[in-house]
Amino acid sequence: MAASDDKNLSVLIKEEAYRLGFNICGIAPSRPLSERENILKEWCSSGMNDGMGFMARNIEKRINPEILVPGARSVIVTGLNYYSDKKQSEPGVPILSRYAFGEDYHDVNFKRLEKLLEFVRNICPGTDGRYFTDSAPILEKAWAREAGIGWQGRHSVVINEEIGSFFVIGILILNIELDYDKPFSEDNCGDCRLCIDSCPTGAINENHTIDARKCIANLTIESRGPVPEDIVPKMGMRVCGCDRCQEVCPWNRNAKPNNIPEFQLSEELEKMNREEWINLSPERFERLFGKTVIARRKYSFFMKNIETVIKSDSQK
């Protein structure tokens, strides 16, 4: 394929990505991210991955896309905005992170990435590839930077200059060469420390990493055990994730609400009062959250989170 054809295909891929609803799209040449290996190993060996033992496994696979997709040549990185200016309206209720307002972001992203791969195969028959959304051992944040999408903020979340940081990353690895974007080389956080200073538990390190042992998002979603007693008073009614570091980020001041139907906060969830949350039944849980990321942790775990924050709030 000639260079001009490469460029045309890259443009077409980006146009299709935007048509499918993605807000940002960049393309990087596939290569082993060897410079990231020691950073990942040191983070895991320090214990900051908490119970996420899987982060210490398959490190070679994490840094080398060709192990995931033999013959990998290009890495397409997409961003899907999930920001919402809506909030749960009732006082004293358990709080959900914005990304949990609607359907599971894995499913929402997968559907669009699958269509994007089909689009490429229709234009370029014989193309092989795989897509991922927080679903395989791949360094999504690093690839976002490689593809020119943005930089990893002090809070470790990728920030894009146009839409901020409230977006889900999607990865599509292909075995064809394309026209590539320039890697994002700046760190536009400057001297700002708002995320570090505003983190309720002090979980944000000085080196753009997170201590998952203190992170409310990890402790209410990924962790298999109870929330540590010293963290409970700092949860602020959060039972699924924590948006605090992103809420204070200056790059999110002009964040625009998403227009993805699957990500919208339902009126029922918006208006649920404290008693309804406390008395949430398994049947209502399934109806409200059966298609969301919350369903990954099951009813009993979620209710334990609710019980924890309600008890802590009542003791104030």
C-alpha atoms as a PDB file:
ATOM      1  CA  MET A   1       0.000   0.000   0.000  1.00  0.00           C
ATOM      2  CA  ALA A   2       1.486   3.358  -1.004  1.00  0.00           C
ATOM      3  CA  ALA A   3       2.146   6.078   1.561  1.00  0.00           C
ATOM      4  CA  SER A   4      -0.630   8.224   0.086  1.00  0.00           C
ATOM      5  CA  ASP A   5      -3.012   5.292   0.434  1.00  0.00           C
ATOM      6  CA  ASP A   6      -1.869   4.828   4.039  1.00  0.00           C
ATOM      7  CA  LYS A   7      -2.770   8.413   4.782  1.00  0.00           C
ATOM      8  CA  ASN A   8      -6.129   8.144   3.059  1.00  0.00           C
ATOM      9  CA  LEU A   9      -7.001   5.024   5.016  1.00  0.00           C
ATOM     10  CA  SER A  10      -5.981   6.679   8.280  1.00  0.00           C
ATOM     11  CA  VAL A  11      -8.213   9.650   7.540  1.00  0.00           C
ATOM     12  CA  LEU A  12     -11.099   7.363   6.660  1.00  0.00           C
ATOM     13  CA  ILE A  13     -10.619   5.380   9.882  1.00  0.00           C
ATOM     14  CA  LYS A  14     -10.746   8.553  11.967  1.00  0.00           C
ATOM     15  CA  GLU A  15     -13.815   9.832  10.130  1.00  0.00           C
ATOM     16  CA  GLU A  16     -15.567   6.519  10.778  1.00  0.00           C
ATOM     17  CA  ALA A  17     -14.516   6.588  14.439  1.00  0.00           C
ATOM     18  CA  TYR A  18     -16.141  10.002  14.852  1.00  0.00           C
ATOM     19  CA  ARG A  19     -19.230   8.833  12.984  1.00  0.00           C
ATOM     20  CA  LEU A  20     -19.526   5.929  15.425  1.00  0.00           C
ATOM     21  CA  GLY A  21     -19.551   8.392  18.320  1.00  0.00           C
ATOM     22  CA  PHE A  22     -15.936   8.404  19.459  1.00  0.00           C
ATOM     23  CA  ASN A  23     -14.809  11.875  20.500  1.00  0.00           C
ATOM     24  CA  ILE A  24     -11.093  11.434  19.866  1.00  0.00           C
ATOM     25  CA  CYS A  25      -8.977   9.084  17.771  1.00  0.00           C
ATOM     26  CA  GLY A  26      -5.228   8.762  17.246  1.00  0.00           C
ATOM     27  CA  ILE A  27      -2.943   6.219  15.597  1.00  0.00           C
ATOM     28  CA  ALA A  28       0.515   5.044  16.686  1.00  0.00           C
ATOM     29  CA  PRO A  29       3.020   2.590  15.216  1.00  0.00           C
ATOM     30  CA  SER A  30       3.112  -0.665  17.160  1.00  0.00           C
ATOM     31  CA  ARG A  31       6.305  -1.256  19.142  1.00  0.00           C
ATOM     32  CA  PRO A  32       7.386  -2.732  22.480  1.00  0.00           C
ATOM     33  CA  LEU A  33       7.029  -0.055  25.179  1.00  0.00           C
ATOM     34  CA  SER A  34      10.200  -1.272  26.877  1.00  0.00           C
ATOM     35  CA  GLU A  35      10.683   2.007  28.737  1.00  0.00           C
ATOM     36  CA  ARG A  36       7.507   1.257  30.707  1.00  0.00           C
ATOM     37  CA  GLU A  37       8.594  -2.147  31.986  1.00  0.00           C
ATOM     38  CA  ASN A  38      10.545  -1.054  35.072  1.00  0.00           C
ATOM     39  CA  ILE A  39       7.899   1.529  36.017  1.00  0.00           C
ATOM     40  CA  LEU A  40       5.241  -1.171  36.065  1.00  0.00           C
ATOM     41  CA  LYS A  41       7.445  -3.664  37.912  1.00  0.00           C
ATOM     42  CA  GLU A  42       8.406  -1.134  40.596  1.00  0.00           C
ATOM     43  CA  TRP A  43       4.786  -0.093  41.116  1.00  0.00           C
ATOM     44  CA  CYS A  44       3.722  -3.709  41.590  1.00  0.00           C
ATOM     45  CA  SER A  45       6.701  -4.701  43.768  1.00  0.00           C
ATOM     46  CA  SER A  46       5.918  -1.785  46.098  1.00  0.00           C
ATOM     47  CA  GLY A  47       2.467  -3.281  46.709  1.00  0.00           C
ATOM     48  CA  MET A  48       0.638  -0.283  45.255  1.00  0.00           C
ATOM     49  CA  ASN A  49      -1.354  -2.570  42.969  1.00  0.00           C
ATOM     50  CA  ASP A  50      -3.144  -3.793  46.135  1.00  0.00           C
ATOM     51  CA  GLY A  51      -5.041  -7.004  45.341  1.00  0.00           C
ATOM     52  CA  MET A  52      -4.659  -6.578  41.581  1.00  0.00           C
ATOM     53  CA  GLY A  53      -2.111  -9.354  41.262  1.00  0.00           C
ATOM     54  CA  PHE A  54      -2.896  -9.649  37.569  1.00  0.00           C
ATOM     55  CA  MET A  55      -1.008  -6.376  37.011  1.00  0.00           C
ATOM     56  CA  ALA A  56       2.246  -8.144  37.896  1.00  0.00           C
ATOM     57  CA  ARG A  57       1.585 -10.958  35.440  1.00  0.00           C
ATOM     58  CA  ASN A  58       2.098 -10.972  31.685  1.00  0.00           C
ATOM     59  CA  ILE A  59       4.282  -7.872  31.822  1.00  0.00           C
ATOM     60  CA  GLU A  60       5.991  -8.796  28.556  1.00  0.00           C
ATOM     61  CA  LYS A  61       2.562  -9.019  26.941  1.00  0.00           C
ATOM     62  CA  ARG A  62       1.523  -5.686  28.439  1.00  0.00           C
ATOM     63  CA  ILE A  63       4.389  -3.831  26.837  1.00  0.00           C
ATOM     64  CA  ASN A  64       4.381  -5.585  23.455  1.00  0.00           C
ATOM     65  CA  PRO A  65       1.213  -5.466  21.302  1.00  0.00           C
ATOM     66  CA  GLU A  66       2.608  -8.058  18.891  1.00  0.00           C
ATOM     67  CA  ILE A  67       2.162 -10.747  21.544  1.00  0.00           C
ATOM     68  CA  LEU A  68      -1.544  -9.929  21.622  1.00  0.00           C
ATOM     69  CA  VAL A  69      -1.826  -9.540  17.853  1.00  0.00           C
ATOM     70  CA  PRO A  70       0.890 -11.338  15.881  1.00  0.00           C
ATOM     71  CA  GLY A  71       2.160  -9.091  13.125  1.00  0.00           C
ATOM     72  CA  ALA A  72       0.840  -5.948  14.828  1.00  0.00           C
ATOM     73  CA  ARG A  73       1.799  -2.784  12.983  1.00  0.00           C
ATOM     74  CA  SER A  74      -0.632  -0.094  14.161  1.00  0.00           C
ATOM     75  CA  VAL A  75      -2.403   0.833  17.382  1.00  0.00           C
ATOM     76  CA  ILE A  76      -5.573   2.889  17.043  1.00  0.00           C
ATOM     77  CA  VAL A  77      -6.615   4.641  20.259  1.00  0.00           C
ATOM     78  CA  THR A  78     -10.106   6.050  20.751  1.00  0.00           C
ATOM     79  CA  GLY A  79     -11.765   8.072  23.469  1.00  0.00           C
ATOM     80  CA  LEU A  80     -15.479   7.985  24.301  1.00  0.00           C
ATOM     81  CA  ASN A  81     -16.746  10.815  26.498  1.00  0.00           C
ATOM     82  CA  TYR A  82     -18.811   9.710  29.507  1.00  0.00           C
ATOM     83  CA  TYR A  83     -19.000  13.047  31.355  1.00  0.00           C
ATOM     84  CA  SER A  84     -22.403  13.988  32.756  1.00  0.00           C
ATOM     85  CA  ASP A  85     -23.458  17.220  34.427  1.00  0.00           C
ATOM     86  CA  LYS A  86     -26.375  15.404  36.023  1.00  0.00           C
ATOM     87  CA  LYS A  87     -26.130  14.406  39.666  1.00  0.00           C
ATOM     88  CA  GLN A  88     -28.096  12.240  42.069  1.00  0.00           C
ATOM     89  CA  SER A  89     -30.560  14.753  43.407  1.00  0.00           C
ATOM     90  CA  GLU A  90     -31.500  13.382  46.835  1.00  0.00           C
ATOM     91  CA  PRO A  91     -29.426  14.306  49.923  1.00  0.00           C
ATOM     92  CA  GLY A  92     -27.375  11.799  51.917  1.00  0.00           C
ATOM     93  CA  VAL A  93     -27.482   9.015  49.331  1.00  0.00           C
ATOM     94  CA  PRO A  94     -24.710   6.644  48.248  1.00  0.00           C
ATOM     95  CA  ILE A  95     -22.792   8.210  45.362  1.00  0.00           C
ATOM     96  CA  LEU A  96     -21.948   6.599  42.035  1.00  0.00           C
ATOM     97  CA  SER A  97     -19.047   7.618  39.834  1.00  0.00           C
ATOM     98  CA  ARG A  98     -20.180   9.067  36.500  1.00  0.00           C
ATOM     99  CA  TYR A  99     -18.895   6.136  34.485  1.00  0.00           C
ATOM    100  CA  ALA A 100     -21.353   3.903  36.373  1.00  0.00           C
ATOM    101  CA  PHE A 101     -24.434   5.987  35.527  1.00  0.00           C
ATOM    102  CA  GLY A 102     -25.389   3.947  32.487  1.00  0.00           C
ATOM    103  CA  GLU A 103     -24.566   0.692  30.738  1.00  0.00           C
ATOM    104  CA  ASP A 104     -21.233  -1.076  31.217  1.00  0.00           C
ATOM    105  CA  TYR A 105     -18.625   0.952  29.342  1.00  0.00           C
ATOM    106  CA  HIS A 106     -16.946  -2.260  28.172  1.00  0.00           C
ATOM    107  CA  ASP A 107     -20.049  -3.271  26.209  1.00  0.00           C
ATOM    108  CA  VAL A 108     -20.707   0.249  24.931  1.00  0.00           C
ATOM    109  CA  ASN A 109     -17.144   0.616  23.667  1.00  0.00           C
ATOM    110  CA  PHE A 110     -16.874  -2.939  22.296  1.00  0.00           C
ATOM    111  CA  LYS A 111     -19.845  -2.418  19.984  1.00  0.00           C
ATOM    112  CA  ARG A 112     -18.256   0.647  18.439  1.00  0.00           C
ATOM    113  CA  LEU A 113     -14.766  -0.843  18.206  1.00  0.00           C
ATOM    114  CA  GLU A 114     -16.180  -3.960  16.526  1.00  0.00           C
ATOM    115  CA  LYS A 115     -17.851  -1.783  13.894  1.00  0.00           C
ATOM    116  CA  LEU A 116     -14.623   0.162  13.404  1.00  0.00           C
ATOM    117  CA  LEU A 117     -12.701  -3.077  12.803  1.00  0.00           C
ATOM    118  CA  GLU A 118     -15.367  -4.229  10.340  1.00  0.00           C
ATOM    119  CA  PHE A 119     -15.038  -0.901   8.525  1.00  0.00           C
ATOM    120  CA  VAL A 120     -11.269  -1.350   8.145  1.00  0.00           C
ATOM    121  CA  ARG A 121     -11.685  -4.932   6.914  1.00  0.00           C
ATOM    122  CA  ASN A 122     -14.212  -3.833   4.295  1.00  0.00           C
ATOM    123  CA  ILE A 123     -11.781  -1.260   2.921  1.00  0.00           C
ATOM    124  CA  CYS A 124      -8.674  -3.376   3.360  1.00  0.00           C
ATOM    125  CA  PRO A 125      -9.595  -7.087   3.042  1.00  0.00           C
ATOM    126  CA  GLY A 126      -7.321  -9.474   4.889  1.00  0.00           C
ATOM    127  CA  THR A 127      -6.707  -7.070   7.761  1.00  0.00           C
ATOM    128  CA  ASP A 128      -6.344  -8.833  11.088  1.00  0.00           C
ATOM    129  CA  GLY A 129      -6.874  -7.132  14.418  1.00  0.00           C
ATOM    130  CA  ARG A 130      -8.287  -7.153  17.933  1.00  0.00           C
ATOM    131  CA  TYR A 131      -9.948  -4.523  20.083  1.00  0.00           C
ATOM    132  CA  PHE A 132      -9.788  -3.919  23.823  1.00  0.00           C
ATOM    133  CA  THR A 133     -11.322  -1.753  26.520  1.00  0.00           C
ATOM    134  CA  ASP A 134      -9.771  -2.380  29.888  1.00  0.00           C
ATOM    135  CA  SER A 135     -10.077  -6.038  28.946  1.00  0.00           C
ATOM    136  CA  ALA A 136      -6.551  -7.303  28.200  1.00  0.00           C
ATOM    137  CA  PRO A 137      -2.975  -6.819  29.416  1.00  0.00           C
ATOM    138  CA  ILE A 138      -2.173  -3.687  27.429  1.00  0.00           C
ATOM    139  CA  LEU A 139      -0.949  -0.278  28.608  1.00  0.00           C
ATOM    140  CA  GLU A 140      -3.897   1.803  27.417  1.00  0.00           C
ATOM    141  CA  LYS A 141      -2.746   5.073  29.000  1.00  0.00           C
ATOM    142  CA  ALA A 142       0.719   4.791  27.490  1.00  0.00           C
ATOM    143  CA  TRP A 143      -0.746   4.088  24.062  1.00  0.00           C
ATOM    144  CA  ALA A 144      -3.028   7.109  24.367  1.00  0.00           C
ATOM    145  CA  ARG A 145       0.084   9.235  24.655  1.00  0.00           C
ATOM    146  CA  GLU A 146       1.827   7.372  21.825  1.00  0.00           C
ATOM    147  CA  ALA A 147      -1.168   8.096  19.583  1.00  0.00           C
ATOM    148  CA  GLY A 148      -1.126  11.807  20.410  1.00  0.00           C
ATOM    149  CA  ILE A 149      -4.394  11.798  22.338  1.00  0.00           C
ATOM    150  CA  GLY A 150      -3.020  13.411  25.476  1.00  0.00           C
ATOM    151  CA  TRP A 151      -0.864  12.991  28.544  1.00  0.00           C
ATOM    152  CA  GLN A 152      -1.131  11.101  31.821  1.00  0.00           C
ATOM    153  CA  GLY A 153      -2.075  13.639  34.461  1.00  0.00           C
ATOM    154  CA  ARG A 154      -0.812  13.693  38.030  1.00  0.00           C
ATOM    155  CA  HIS A 155      -3.887  11.660  38.941  1.00  0.00           C
ATOM    156  CA  SER A 156      -2.692   9.045  36.397  1.00  0.00           C
ATOM    157  CA  VAL A 157      -5.775   9.554  34.195  1.00  0.00           C
ATOM    158  CA  VAL A 158      -5.182  10.538  30.557  1.00  0.00           C
ATOM    159  CA  ILE A 159      -6.098  14.156  29.792  1.00  0.00           C
ATOM    160  CA  ASN A 160      -7.038  15.418  26.354  1.00  0.00           C
ATOM    161  CA  GLU A 161      -6.753  19.152  25.689  1.00  0.00           C
ATOM    162  CA  GLU A 162     -10.172  19.314  24.027  1.00  0.00           C
ATOM    163  CA  ILE A 163     -12.453  17.125  26.155  1.00  0.00           C
ATOM    164  CA  GLY A 164     -10.588  16.728  29.451  1.00  0.00           C
ATOM    165  CA  SER A 165     -10.269  13.349  31.175  1.00  0.00           C
ATOM    166  CA  PHE A 166     -13.792  11.955  31.476  1.00  0.00           C
ATOM    167  CA  PHE A 167     -13.455   9.473  28.624  1.00  0.00           C
ATOM    168  CA  VAL A 168     -13.120   5.725  28.158  1.00  0.00           C
ATOM    169  CA  ILE A 169     -10.108   4.514  26.194  1.00  0.00           C
ATOM    170  CA  GLY A 170     -10.534   1.972  23.413  1.00  0.00           C
ATOM    171  CA  ILE A 171      -7.683   0.159  21.650  1.00  0.00           C
ATOM    172  CA  LEU A 172      -7.727  -1.430  18.195  1.00  0.00           C
ATOM    173  CA  ILE A 173      -4.526  -3.228  17.148  1.00  0.00           C
ATOM    174  CA  LEU A 174      -4.112  -3.936  13.429  1.00  0.00           C
ATOM    175  CA  ASN A 175      -1.588  -5.827  11.304  1.00  0.00           C
ATOM    176  CA  ILE A 176      -1.431  -3.084   8.667  1.00  0.00           C
ATOM    177  CA  GLU A 177       0.663   0.067   8.484  1.00  0.00           C
ATOM    178  CA  LEU A 178      -1.072   3.424   8.607  1.00  0.00           C
ATOM    179  CA  ASP A 179      -0.251   7.112   8.759  1.00  0.00           C
ATOM    180  CA  TYR A 180       0.703   7.937  12.356  1.00  0.00           C
ATOM    181  CA  ASP A 181       0.078  10.798  14.729  1.00  0.00           C
ATOM    182  CA  LYS A 182       2.868  12.478  16.626  1.00  0.00           C
ATOM    183  CA  PRO A 183       3.205  11.228  20.224  1.00  0.00           C
ATOM    184  CA  PHE A 184       2.057  13.714  22.849  1.00  0.00           C
ATOM    185  CA  SER A 185       5.275  14.932  24.446  1.00  0.00           C
ATOM    186  CA  GLU A 186       4.044  17.646  26.799  1.00  0.00           C
ATOM    187  CA  ASP A 187       3.004  17.438  30.431  1.00  0.00           C
ATOM    188  CA  ASN A 188       0.403  20.170  30.627  1.00  0.00           C
ATOM    189  CA  CYS A 189      -0.271  19.709  34.333  1.00  0.00           C
ATOM    190  CA  GLY A 190       2.566  22.142  35.035  1.00  0.00           C
ATOM    191  CA  ASP A 191       2.812  22.954  38.724  1.00  0.00           C
ATOM    192  CA  CYS A 192      -0.859  22.193  39.406  1.00  0.00           C
ATOM    193  CA  ARG A 193      -1.444  19.897  42.394  1.00  0.00           C
ATOM    194  CA  LEU A 194      -5.194  20.207  42.785  1.00  0.00           C
ATOM    195  CA  CYS A 195      -5.817  16.484  42.279  1.00  0.00           C
ATOM    196  CA  ILE A 196      -3.121  15.488  44.778  1.00  0.00           C
ATOM    197  CA  ASP A 197      -4.298  17.977  47.391  1.00  0.00           C
ATOM    198  CA  SER A 198      -7.984  17.130  46.876  1.00  0.00           C
ATOM    199  CA  CYS A 199      -7.734  13.333  47.017  1.00  0.00           C
ATOM    200  CA  PRO A 200      -9.717  12.322  50.142  1.00  0.00           C
ATOM    201  CA  THR A 201      -7.285   9.545  51.052  1.00  0.00           C
ATOM    202  CA  GLY A 202      -3.927  10.811  49.763  1.00  0.00           C
ATOM    203  CA  ALA A 203      -3.771   8.051  47.166  1.00  0.00           C
ATOM    204  CA  ILE A 204      -2.068  10.089  44.423  1.00  0.00           C
ATOM    205  CA  ASN A 205       1.707   9.778  44.291  1.00  0.00           C
ATOM    206  CA  GLU A 206       4.121  12.426  43.067  1.00  0.00           C
ATOM    207  CA  ASN A 207       5.119  10.359  40.011  1.00  0.00           C
ATOM    208  CA  HIS A 208       1.755  10.221  38.202  1.00  0.00           C
ATOM    209  CA  THR A 209       0.802   6.888  39.776  1.00  0.00           C
ATOM    210  CA  ILE A 210      -1.838   5.812  42.291  1.00  0.00           C
ATOM    211  CA  ASP A 211      -1.499   3.843  45.495  1.00  0.00           C
ATOM    212  CA  ALA A 212      -4.440   1.511  44.963  1.00  0.00           C
ATOM    213  CA  ARG A 213      -4.371   0.535  48.646  1.00  0.00           C
ATOM    214  CA  LYS A 214      -5.752   4.006  49.408  1.00  0.00           C
ATOM    215  CA  CYS A 215      -7.794   4.668  46.271  1.00  0.00           C
ATOM    216  CA  ILE A 216     -11.561   4.762  46.851  1.00  0.00           C
ATOM    217  CA  ALA A 217     -12.195   3.713  43.244  1.00  0.00           C
ATOM    218  CA  ASN A 218     -10.148   0.555  43.678  1.00  0.00           C
ATOM    219  CA  LEU A 219     -11.480  -0.208  47.151  1.00  0.00           C
ATOM    220  CA  THR A 220     -15.123   0.067  46.069  1.00  0.00           C
ATOM    221  CA  ILE A 221     -14.769  -1.777  42.744  1.00  0.00           C
ATOM    222  CA  GLU A 222     -11.727  -4.017  42.365  1.00  0.00           C
ATOM    223  CA  SER A 223     -10.801  -4.908  45.942  1.00  0.00           C
ATOM    224  CA  ARG A 224     -12.103  -8.220  47.240  1.00  0.00           C
ATOM    225  CA  GLY A 225     -11.951  -7.310  50.901  1.00  0.00           C
ATOM    226  CA  PRO A 226     -13.637  -4.740  53.147  1.00  0.00           C
ATOM    227  CA  VAL A 227     -12.660  -1.086  52.914  1.00  0.00           C
ATOM    228  CA  PRO A 228      -9.906  -0.391  55.493  1.00  0.00           C
ATOM    229  CA  GLU A 229     -11.266   1.234  58.645  1.00  0.00           C
ATOM    230  CA  ASP A 230      -9.062   4.322  58.279  1.00  0.00           C
ATOM    231  CA  ILE A 231     -10.432   4.916  54.760  1.00  0.00           C
ATOM    232  CA  VAL A 232     -14.136   4.549  55.602  1.00  0.00           C
ATOM    233  CA  PRO A 233     -14.589   8.054  57.156  1.00  0.00           C
ATOM    234  CA  LYS A 234     -13.014   9.566  54.031  1.00  0.00           C
ATOM    235  CA  MET A 235     -15.283   7.863  51.489  1.00  0.00           C
ATOM    236  CA  GLY A 236     -17.848  10.645  51.475  1.00  0.00           C
ATOM    237  CA  MET A 237     -20.741   8.284  50.623  1.00  0.00           C
ATOM    238  CA  ARG A 238     -18.924   6.947  47.532  1.00  0.00           C
ATOM    239  CA  VAL A 239     -19.921   3.318  46.885  1.00  0.00           C
ATOM    240  CA  CYS A 240     -18.711   2.867  43.290  1.00  0.00           C
ATOM    241  CA  GLY A 241     -15.663   4.774  42.153  1.00  0.00           C
ATOM    242  CA  CYS A 242     -14.514   8.300  42.948  1.00  0.00           C
ATOM    243  CA  ASP A 243     -14.445  11.281  40.587  1.00  0.00           C
ATOM    244  CA  ARG A 244     -12.829  13.761  42.963  1.00  0.00           C
ATOM    245  CA  CYS A 245      -9.436  14.051  41.265  1.00  0.00           C
ATOM    246  CA  GLN A 246     -11.088  14.653  37.907  1.00  0.00           C
ATOM    247  CA  GLU A 247     -13.706  17.040  39.267  1.00  0.00           C
ATOM    248  CA  VAL A 248     -11.053  19.483  40.523  1.00  0.00           C
ATOM    249  CA  CYS A 249      -8.879  19.217  37.398  1.00  0.00           C
ATOM    250  CA  PRO A 250      -8.756  22.558  35.513  1.00  0.00           C
ATOM    251  CA  TRP A 251      -8.792  20.657  32.214  1.00  0.00           C
ATOM    252  CA  ASN A 252     -12.346  19.505  33.017  1.00  0.00           C
ATOM    253  CA  ARG A 253     -13.752  22.979  33.653  1.00  0.00           C
ATOM    254  CA  ASN A 254     -15.259  23.045  30.184  1.00  0.00           C
ATOM    255  CA  ALA A 255     -16.172  19.361  29.987  1.00  0.00           C
ATOM    256  CA  LYS A 256     -19.271  18.843  27.885  1.00  0.00           C
ATOM    257  CA  PRO A 257     -21.963  16.240  28.685  1.00  0.00           C
ATOM    258  CA  ASN A 258     -21.778  13.094  26.600  1.00  0.00           C
ATOM    259  CA  ASN A 259     -24.399  12.337  23.966  1.00  0.00           C
ATOM    260  CA  ILE A 260     -24.205   8.546  24.287  1.00  0.00           C
ATOM    261  CA  PRO A 261     -27.695   7.179  25.082  1.00  0.00           C
ATOM    262  CA  GLU A 262     -26.266   4.178  26.951  1.00  0.00           C
ATOM    263  CA  PHE A 263     -24.330   6.436  29.371  1.00  0.00           C
ATOM    264  CA  GLN A 264     -27.273   8.510  30.584  1.00  0.00           C
ATOM    265  CA  LEU A 265     -28.348   8.634  34.251  1.00  0.00           C
ATOM    266  CA  SER A 266     -31.888   7.304  34.536  1.00  0.00           C
ATOM    267  CA  GLU A 267     -34.536   9.367  36.273  1.00  0.00           C
ATOM    268  CA  GLU A 268     -35.106   6.540  38.741  1.00  0.00           C
ATOM    269  CA  LEU A 269     -31.465   6.462  39.819  1.00  0.00           C
ATOM    270  CA  GLU A 270     -31.284  10.241  39.906  1.00  0.00           C
ATOM    271  CA  LYS A 271     -34.199  10.504  42.338  1.00  0.00           C
ATOM    272  CA  MET A 272     -33.617   7.480  44.608  1.00  0.00           C
ATOM    273  CA  ASN A 273     -33.660   8.582  48.240  1.00  0.00           C
ATOM    274  CA  ARG A 274     -31.613   7.312  51.172  1.00  0.00           C
ATOM    275  CA  GLU A 275     -34.199   4.801  52.366  1.00  0.00           C
ATOM    276  CA  GLU A 276     -34.554   3.316  48.908  1.00  0.00           C
ATOM    277  CA  TRP A 277     -30.798   2.761  48.740  1.00  0.00           C
ATOM    278  CA  ILE A 278     -30.700   1.160  52.181  1.00  0.00           C
ATOM    279  CA  ASN A 279     -33.577  -1.159  51.285  1.00  0.00           C
ATOM    280  CA  LEU A 280     -32.439  -1.954  47.756  1.00  0.00           C
ATOM    281  CA  SER A 281     -33.696  -5.447  46.918  1.00  0.00           C
ATOM    282  CA  PRO A 282     -31.872  -8.016  44.757  1.00  0.00           C
ATOM    283  CA  GLU A 283     -34.623  -7.692  42.164  1.00  0.00           C
ATOM    284  CA  ARG A 284     -34.351  -3.918  41.948  1.00  0.00           C
ATOM    285  CA  PHE A 285     -30.548  -4.156  41.929  1.00  0.00           C
ATOM    286  CA  GLU A 286     -30.735  -6.445  38.906  1.00  0.00           C
ATOM    287  CA  ARG A 287     -33.167  -4.145  37.130  1.00  0.00           C
ATOM    288  CA  LEU A 288     -31.141  -0.990  37.811  1.00  0.00           C
ATOM    289  CA  PHE A 289     -27.609  -2.333  37.557  1.00  0.00           C
ATOM    290  CA  GLY A 290     -27.767  -5.617  35.649  1.00  0.00           C
ATOM    291  CA  LYS A 291     -26.216  -4.027  32.550  1.00  0.00           C
ATOM    292  CA  THR A 292     -23.767  -1.727  34.378  1.00  0.00           C
ATOM    293  CA  VAL A 293     -20.217  -2.097  35.686  1.00  0.00           C
ATOM    294  CA  ILE A 294     -21.697  -2.424  39.184  1.00  0.00           C
ATOM    295  CA  ALA A 295     -23.063  -5.855  38.267  1.00  0.00           C
ATOM    296  CA  ARG A 296     -19.466  -7.118  38.094  1.00  0.00           C
ATOM    297  CA  ARG A 297     -19.285  -7.069  41.902  1.00  0.00           C
ATOM    298  CA  LYS A 298     -22.669  -8.561  42.612  1.00  0.00           C
ATOM    299  CA  TYR A 299     -25.463  -7.509  44.959  1.00  0.00           C
ATOM    300  CA  SER A 300     -23.893  -8.570  48.264  1.00  0.00           C
ATOM    301  CA  PHE A 301     -20.662  -6.639  47.706  1.00  0.00           C
ATOM    302  CA  PHE A 302     -22.501  -3.514  46.582  1.00  0.00           C
ATOM    303  CA  MET A 303     -24.819  -3.610  49.593  1.00  0.00           C
ATOM    304  CA  LYS A 304     -21.796  -3.958  51.870  1.00  0.00           C
ATOM    305  CA  ASN A 305     -20.435  -0.722  50.397  1.00  0.00           C
ATOM    306  CA  ILE A 306     -23.788   0.971  50.992  1.00  0.00           C
ATOM    307  CA  GLU A 307     -23.939  -0.306  54.568  1.00  0.00           C
ATOM    308  CA  THR A 308     -20.390   0.933  55.207  1.00  0.00           C
ATOM    309  CA  VAL A 309     -20.957   4.511  54.051  1.00  0.00           C
ATOM    310  CA  ILE A 310     -24.402   4.810  55.632  1.00  0.00           C
ATOM    311  CA  LYS A 311     -23.056   3.662  59.005  1.00  0.00           C
ATOM    312  CA  SER A 312     -20.093   6.036  58.775  1.00  0.00           C
ATOM    313  CA  ASP A 313     -22.327   8.958  57.794  1.00  0.00           C
ATOM    314  CA  SER A 314     -24.723   8.224  60.662  1.00  0.00           C
ATOM    315  CA  GLN A 315     -21.878   8.392  63.173  1.00  0.00           C
ATOM    316  CA  LYS A 316     -20.877  11.935  62.193  1.00  0.00           C
END
